[in-house]
Amino acid sequence: MAVFGLSIVAACGFGAPGSAEADQSKASIATPANPPTTQAHPVAKDAVAAVVIDDKDLESVLGQEIYGGNGEDMGRIVDILVDHKANVRAAIIDFGGFLGVGTRKIAVDWHALRFDQDRATTSLIRDQVRVAPEYKEGEPIVILGPGSFAPPHAKAPPQLKPEASPPVK
């Protein structure tokens, strides 16, 4: 664009070649008097924040096999249940059966699952999952998992301080 502007100046006869005006025009185009400063681009009001994460740091859990604490195959994750506050509550696993025949969907508490780099595990054993009620969409959900089903952000009850014992005489 600077070259285009320079040729217009020369073609219109402003500052004949070799004149002070022409030399000044060339100089101002080649090296601007006020070099641009580095500025952050203004953020549009409709802009959405975004984060770039290396794909090696994340992995999908859908379809991932779950193993019990004793190494038994417990099934695979087929769905995730999230409450209205966006807290992950349970994973739905396809449990039992053979080659996809006779499987049942069981809701397992999200906090009962542990995800390592190479596998997902639970402390539940096969017999506990086998007797759990089946998950059916549109029906009340029984979530199998640890003994405490407190909401993730619930405060723990205040700890009572032991009463001071009277001094021994």
Protein backbone atom coordinates (compact mmCIF):
# COMPACT_ATOMS: atom_id res chain seq x y z
CA MET A 1 0.00 0.00 0.00
CA ALA A 2 2.91 2.37 0.71
CA VAL A 3 4.30 1.81 -2.79
CA PHE A 4 0.89 2.62 -4.29
CA GLY A 5 0.75 5.89 -2.30
CA LEU A 6 4.25 6.84 -3.44
CA SER A 7 3.44 6.31 -7.12
CA ILE A 8 0.36 8.55 -6.80
CA VAL A 9 2.50 11.32 -5.31
CA ALA A 10 5.01 11.06 -8.19
CA ALA A 11 2.33 10.79 -10.91
CA CYS A 12 0.41 13.84 -9.71
CA GLY A 13 3.51 15.98 -9.92
CA PHE A 14 3.76 16.67 -6.19
CA GLY A 15 7.40 17.09 -5.60
CA ALA A 16 9.44 16.46 -8.68
CA PRO A 17 12.09 13.78 -8.41
CA GLY A 18 15.13 15.10 -6.66
CA SER A 19 13.20 17.91 -4.94
CA ALA A 20 13.05 18.29 -1.18
CA GLU A 21 9.31 17.48 -1.20
CA ALA A 22 9.82 14.17 -3.02
CA ASP A 23 12.71 13.20 -0.76
CA GLN A 24 10.61 14.08 2.31
CA SER A 25 7.64 12.02 0.99
CA LYS A 26 9.85 8.99 0.38
CA ALA A 27 11.44 9.35 3.78
CA SER A 28 8.11 9.62 5.58
CA ILE A 29 6.80 6.52 3.82
CA ALA A 30 9.93 4.46 4.41
CA THR A 31 10.28 5.35 8.08
CA PRO A 32 7.19 6.80 9.70
CA ALA A 33 7.72 9.67 12.12
CA ASN A 34 5.61 7.91 14.76
CA PRO A 35 6.29 4.18 14.62
CA PRO A 36 3.24 2.08 15.64
CA THR A 37 3.21 0.86 19.20
CA THR A 38 2.26 -2.65 20.20
CA GLN A 39 -1.31 -2.57 21.48
CA ALA A 40 -3.73 -5.27 22.55
CA HIS A 41 -6.54 -5.73 20.11
CA PRO A 42 -9.79 -4.31 21.42
CA VAL A 43 -12.19 -7.01 22.59
CA ALA A 44 -15.58 -6.98 20.95
CA LYS A 45 -18.53 -6.89 23.32
CA ASP A 46 -19.82 -10.21 21.91
CA ALA A 47 -16.44 -11.95 22.23
CA VAL A 48 -16.29 -15.27 24.06
CA ALA A 49 -13.29 -16.19 26.18
CA ALA A 50 -11.42 -19.22 24.89
CA VAL A 51 -8.66 -21.42 26.24
CA VAL A 52 -6.33 -23.51 24.12
CA ILE A 53 -5.44 -26.86 25.67
CA ASP A 54 -3.08 -29.47 24.29
CA ASP A 55 -5.08 -32.53 23.19
CA LYS A 56 -2.67 -34.70 25.17
CA ASP A 57 -4.03 -33.15 28.40
CA LEU A 58 -7.64 -34.22 27.80
CA GLU A 59 -9.41 -37.42 26.97
CA SER A 60 -13.04 -38.39 26.41
CA VAL A 61 -14.50 -40.75 29.00
CA LEU A 62 -17.41 -41.96 26.89
CA GLY A 63 -16.78 -45.56 25.93
CA GLN A 64 -14.00 -45.95 28.48
CA GLU A 65 -13.86 -49.31 30.25
CA ILE A 66 -14.29 -49.32 34.05
CA TYR A 67 -12.50 -51.88 36.23
CA GLY A 68 -13.33 -52.83 39.80
CA GLY A 69 -10.84 -52.58 42.63
CA ASN A 70 -10.02 -56.26 42.16
CA GLY A 71 -9.41 -55.84 38.41
CA GLU A 72 -12.79 -57.16 37.22
CA ASP A 73 -14.34 -55.61 34.11
CA MET A 74 -17.29 -53.53 35.33
CA GLY A 75 -18.52 -52.25 31.97
CA ARG A 76 -18.00 -49.07 29.99
CA ILE A 77 -19.19 -45.48 30.36
CA VAL A 78 -22.05 -44.69 27.98
CA ASP A 79 -23.37 -41.41 29.45
CA ILE A 80 -22.71 -38.75 32.09
CA LEU A 81 -25.39 -37.20 34.34
CA VAL A 82 -25.06 -33.55 35.35
CA ASP A 83 -27.33 -31.69 37.78
CA HIS A 84 -28.85 -28.25 37.18
CA LYS A 85 -25.84 -26.55 38.78
CA ALA A 86 -23.47 -28.20 36.25
CA ASN A 87 -22.04 -30.65 38.79
CA VAL A 88 -21.22 -34.07 37.38
CA ARG A 89 -23.21 -36.49 39.53
CA ALA A 90 -22.93 -39.92 37.91
CA ALA A 91 -21.61 -41.99 35.05
CA ILE A 92 -23.96 -44.43 33.35
CA ILE A 93 -22.15 -47.68 32.68
CA ASP A 94 -23.21 -50.60 30.51
CA PHE A 95 -22.80 -53.50 32.89
CA GLY A 96 -22.92 -57.25 32.41
CA GLY A 97 -24.00 -59.20 29.39
CA PHE A 98 -21.92 -60.79 26.71
CA LEU A 99 -21.05 -59.04 23.44
CA GLY A 100 -23.62 -56.34 24.15
CA VAL A 101 -26.48 -58.78 24.84
CA GLY A 102 -28.04 -58.66 28.28
CA THR A 103 -26.34 -55.47 29.45
CA ARG A 104 -27.97 -53.16 31.96
CA LYS A 105 -27.32 -49.46 32.49
CA ILE A 106 -26.25 -48.61 36.04
CA ALA A 107 -25.72 -45.10 37.49
CA VAL A 108 -22.42 -44.95 39.40
CA ASP A 109 -21.55 -41.95 41.56
CA TRP A 110 -18.93 -39.84 39.78
CA HIS A 111 -16.84 -39.64 42.96
CA ALA A 112 -16.66 -43.44 43.07
CA LEU A 113 -14.60 -43.41 39.85
CA ARG A 114 -10.85 -42.80 39.55
CA PHE A 115 -9.26 -41.94 36.24
CA ASP A 116 -5.60 -42.84 35.79
CA GLN A 117 -3.60 -42.35 32.62
CA ASP A 118 -4.29 -45.81 31.27
CA ARG A 119 -7.57 -46.93 32.91
CA ALA A 120 -10.59 -45.99 34.99
CA THR A 121 -11.35 -47.82 38.22
CA THR A 122 -13.90 -47.94 40.99
CA SER A 123 -13.78 -49.40 44.48
CA LEU A 124 -17.14 -51.07 43.81
CA ILE A 125 -17.14 -54.80 43.22
CA ARG A 126 -19.07 -56.73 40.60
CA ASP A 127 -21.64 -58.11 43.08
CA GLN A 128 -22.55 -54.58 44.25
CA VAL A 129 -23.15 -53.40 40.71
CA ARG A 130 -24.97 -56.61 39.72
CA VAL A 131 -27.75 -56.04 42.31
CA ALA A 132 -28.11 -52.28 41.67
CA PRO A 133 -31.35 -51.03 40.11
CA GLU A 134 -31.16 -50.34 36.38
CA TYR A 135 -31.00 -46.75 35.15
CA LYS A 136 -34.01 -45.91 32.98
CA GLU A 137 -34.45 -42.45 31.50
CA GLY A 138 -37.50 -40.65 32.87
CA GLU A 139 -37.59 -42.70 36.09
CA PRO A 140 -36.09 -41.89 39.52
CA ILE A 141 -32.36 -42.55 39.48
CA VAL A 142 -30.57 -44.70 42.03
CA ILE A 143 -26.89 -43.75 42.04
CA LEU A 144 -24.57 -46.46 43.26
CA GLY A 145 -21.48 -45.27 45.06
CA PRO A 146 -19.83 -44.22 48.27
CA GLY A 147 -21.88 -44.08 51.49
CA SER A 148 -22.07 -40.27 51.44
CA PHE A 149 -24.18 -38.60 48.77
CA ALA A 150 -23.68 -35.05 50.05
CA PRO A 151 -23.73 -32.41 47.33
CA PRO A 152 -20.18 -31.55 46.18
CA HIS A 153 -20.28 -28.03 47.66
CA ALA A 154 -22.04 -28.83 50.94
CA LYS A 155 -20.33 -27.55 54.05
CA ALA A 156 -19.20 -30.08 56.60
CA PRO A 157 -20.92 -29.82 59.95
CA PRO A 158 -18.95 -27.77 62.47
CA GLN A 159 -16.60 -29.78 64.61
CA LEU A 160 -17.44 -29.74 68.29
CA LYS A 161 -14.55 -28.98 70.59
CA PRO A 162 -14.10 -31.44 73.41
CA GLU A 163 -15.04 -30.01 76.72
CA ALA A 164 -12.09 -29.04 78.82
CA SER A 165 -11.57 -31.50 81.63
CA PRO A 166 -11.25 -30.07 85.09
CA PRO A 167 -7.71 -29.81 86.38
CA VAL A 168 -6.52 -32.81 88.32
CA LYS A 169 -5.60 -32.10 91.93
